[in-house]
Protein backbone atom coordinates (compact mmCIF):
# COMPACT_ATOMS: atom_id res chain seq x y z
CA MET A 1 -0.26 70.39 8.92
CA THR A 2 -2.70 69.78 5.79
CA ALA A 3 -5.72 71.23 4.62
CA LEU A 4 -7.60 68.71 5.95
CA ASN A 5 -6.07 69.11 9.61
CA HIS A 6 -6.78 72.88 9.35
CA PHE A 7 -10.41 72.39 8.56
CA GLU A 8 -10.96 69.83 11.21
CA LEU A 9 -9.07 71.86 14.15
CA ALA A 10 -11.52 75.01 12.66
CA LEU A 11 -14.78 72.44 12.92
CA GLN A 12 -13.49 71.96 16.66
CA ILE A 13 -13.88 75.64 17.15
CA THR A 14 -17.07 76.25 15.16
CA PRO A 15 -18.71 72.83 15.42
CA ASP A 16 -22.06 74.41 13.87
CA ASP A 17 -20.60 75.91 10.68
CA ARG A 18 -22.15 74.27 8.01
CA LYS A 19 -19.42 75.63 5.19
CA ILE A 20 -16.71 74.35 7.49
CA ARG A 21 -18.41 71.26 7.87
CA GLU A 22 -18.55 70.97 3.92
CA MET A 23 -14.95 71.53 3.22
CA VAL A 24 -13.77 69.12 5.96
CA GLU A 25 -16.14 66.30 3.97
CA ARG A 26 -14.47 67.88 0.45
CA ALA A 27 -11.30 67.74 2.09
CA ARG A 28 -11.41 64.12 3.57
CA ASN A 29 -12.86 62.91 -0.10
CA GLU A 30 -9.96 64.16 -1.76
CA ALA A 31 -7.16 62.90 0.62
CA GLY A 32 -9.20 59.24 0.37
CA ALA A 33 -9.61 59.20 -3.53
CA ALA A 34 -5.41 60.32 -3.52
CA LEU A 35 -4.90 57.57 -0.91
CA SER A 36 -6.61 55.13 -3.05
CA LYS A 37 -5.29 56.27 -6.08
CA THR A 38 -1.60 55.48 -3.98
CA TYR A 39 -2.86 51.97 -3.01
CA GLU A 40 -3.87 51.10 -6.46
CA LYS A 41 -0.41 51.84 -8.05
CA GLN A 42 1.48 49.97 -5.10
CA GLY A 43 -0.81 47.09 -5.79
CA ALA A 44 -0.10 47.24 -9.71
CA PHE A 45 3.94 47.56 -8.69
CA GLU A 46 3.48 44.56 -6.06
CA GLU A 47 1.48 42.56 -8.47
CA GLU A 48 4.52 43.13 -11.07
CA LEU A 49 7.11 41.58 -8.30
CA GLY A 50 4.91 38.73 -8.06
CA GLN A 51 3.97 39.84 -4.38
CA TRP A 52 0.45 38.56 -4.82
CA VAL A 53 -0.52 38.94 -0.93
CA ARG A 54 0.74 42.47 -0.48
CA ALA A 55 -0.74 43.60 -4.10
CA ALA A 56 -4.42 41.97 -3.16
CA GLN A 57 -4.03 43.94 0.18
CA SER A 58 -3.31 47.29 -1.92
CA PHE A 59 -6.23 46.44 -4.37
CA LEU A 60 -8.51 45.98 -1.36
CA LYS A 61 -7.60 49.07 0.12
CA ALA A 62 -8.25 51.11 -2.82
CA LEU A 63 -11.45 49.70 -3.17
CA ASP A 64 -12.37 50.96 0.12
CA VAL A 65 -12.47 54.16 -1.57
CA GLN A 66 -13.15 53.19 -5.40
CA LYS A 67 -16.18 50.67 -4.37
CA GLU A 68 -17.47 50.44 -7.94
CA ASN A 69 -14.08 50.03 -9.74
CA HIS A 70 -14.38 46.61 -11.19
CA ARG A 71 -10.82 46.29 -12.78
CA LEU A 72 -9.85 46.91 -8.78
CA MET A 73 -12.34 43.97 -8.16
CA ASP A 74 -10.70 41.57 -10.76
CA ARG A 75 -7.11 42.64 -9.89
CA ALA A 76 -7.94 42.18 -6.02
CA ALA A 77 -9.39 38.64 -6.89
CA TYR A 78 -6.81 37.82 -9.06
CA ASN A 79 -3.69 38.47 -6.69
CA LEU A 80 -5.97 36.95 -3.74
CA PHE A 81 -6.12 33.69 -5.75
CA ARG A 82 -2.08 33.88 -6.66
CA GLY A 83 -1.26 34.50 -2.70
CA GLY A 84 -3.83 31.47 -1.83
CA GLY A 85 -5.84 34.32 0.16
CA ASN A 86 -9.18 33.97 1.01
CA MET A 87 -10.75 32.23 -1.74
CA PHE A 88 -14.16 32.83 -1.23
CA ARG A 89 -13.46 36.37 -1.24
CA ALA A 90 -11.67 36.01 -4.30
CA GLU A 91 -14.79 34.48 -5.81
CA GLU A 92 -17.30 37.10 -4.64
CA LEU A 93 -14.40 39.56 -5.82
CA ALA A 94 -14.59 38.08 -9.28
CA ARG A 95 -17.77 37.65 -9.68
CA GLN A 96 -18.86 41.58 -8.85
CA ALA A 97 -16.09 42.34 -11.17
CA LEU A 98 -17.97 40.21 -13.89
CA GLU A 99 -21.54 41.95 -13.03
CA HIS A 100 -19.92 45.14 -13.78
CA GLU A 101 -18.52 43.86 -17.28
CA PRO A 102 -20.20 40.73 -18.19
CA ASN A 103 -18.15 40.36 -21.35
CA ASN A 104 -14.65 41.11 -19.96
CA VAL A 105 -12.71 38.12 -21.42
CA ASP A 106 -9.75 38.52 -18.52
CA TYR A 107 -12.78 38.76 -15.72
CA ARG A 108 -14.04 35.09 -16.66
CA ALA A 109 -10.81 33.82 -16.96
CA THR A 110 -9.91 35.05 -13.41
CA LEU A 111 -13.35 33.74 -12.13
CA SER A 112 -12.64 30.28 -13.91
CA GLU A 113 -9.32 30.09 -12.40
CA ILE A 114 -10.75 30.77 -8.58
CA LEU A 115 -13.60 28.36 -9.64
CA GLN A 116 -11.34 25.96 -10.38
CA LYS A 117 -9.09 25.93 -7.15
CA ASN A 118 -12.44 26.21 -5.21
CA GLY A 119 -13.67 22.82 -6.59
CA ASP A 120 -15.91 23.91 -8.85
CA LYS A 121 -14.97 22.63 -12.13
CA THR A 122 -18.47 22.83 -14.01
CA GLY A 123 -18.45 26.28 -13.04
CA ALA A 124 -14.77 27.08 -14.08
CA ALA A 125 -15.61 25.00 -17.40
CA ARG A 126 -18.41 27.32 -18.13
CA SER A 127 -16.79 30.63 -17.35
CA LEU A 128 -13.68 29.64 -19.68
CA GLU A 129 -16.20 28.50 -22.12
CA GLU A 130 -18.04 31.64 -22.22
CA ALA A 131 -14.37 33.30 -22.32
CA SER A 132 -13.39 31.28 -25.36
CA ARG A 133 -16.73 32.14 -27.24
CA LEU A 134 -15.91 36.27 -26.50
CA ASP A 135 -12.62 35.74 -27.45
CA PRO A 136 -11.21 32.81 -29.65
CA GLY A 137 -7.88 33.80 -30.16
CA ASN A 138 -7.14 35.47 -26.46
CA GLU A 139 -3.78 33.37 -25.26
CA ARG A 140 -4.75 33.59 -21.38
CA VAL A 141 -8.17 31.57 -22.21
CA ALA A 142 -6.18 28.97 -24.47
CA ARG A 143 -3.42 28.01 -22.10
CA LEU A 144 -6.40 27.56 -19.23
CA LEU A 145 -8.33 25.57 -21.84
CA GLY A 146 -4.96 23.54 -22.45
CA ALA A 147 -4.31 22.81 -18.77
CA ARG A 148 -7.66 21.39 -18.09
C-alpha cells in the first residue's frame, strides 16, 4: 500500500484533521508529478519510434499536471500533426507554446507545419519566415522553406 493510500485511509477515519488533509494533498501532488514525468519519458520514447498518436497522448497526459510546460505543448502539437490527430488542438497547443517562448525557432516551425496542414498558407509562411529570421541556419526551417 502506498503512502497516499495510507493517508487517504487516515483521512476517512479523521476527516476533520487538517494536518492529514495536507499530507494527502501533498502526496497526491507528488504522485501526480511522478506520473507526469513518466508520461513525458514515455512520450519521448514513442516519438523516437514514430508512434505519433501514442506520443501525443502521452505528452497530453503529462500536460495534465505540467500545465505550463511549453516544451510539452510543442511536442504534443507536433505529434498530433504527425499522427493526423486533432489539428485544431495541435494548432492551439503550438500557439500556446509560442506564447511562452516567442523566439523559439522549433516552436515556430511546428506551428508553420500545422498551419500549412490546416490550410492557412499565409500564416504558415509568416511563421516560417520569422523562424528563418531568428535562426537563418536552422536545418528544419531550411527544409520547410524548400518544401514550399
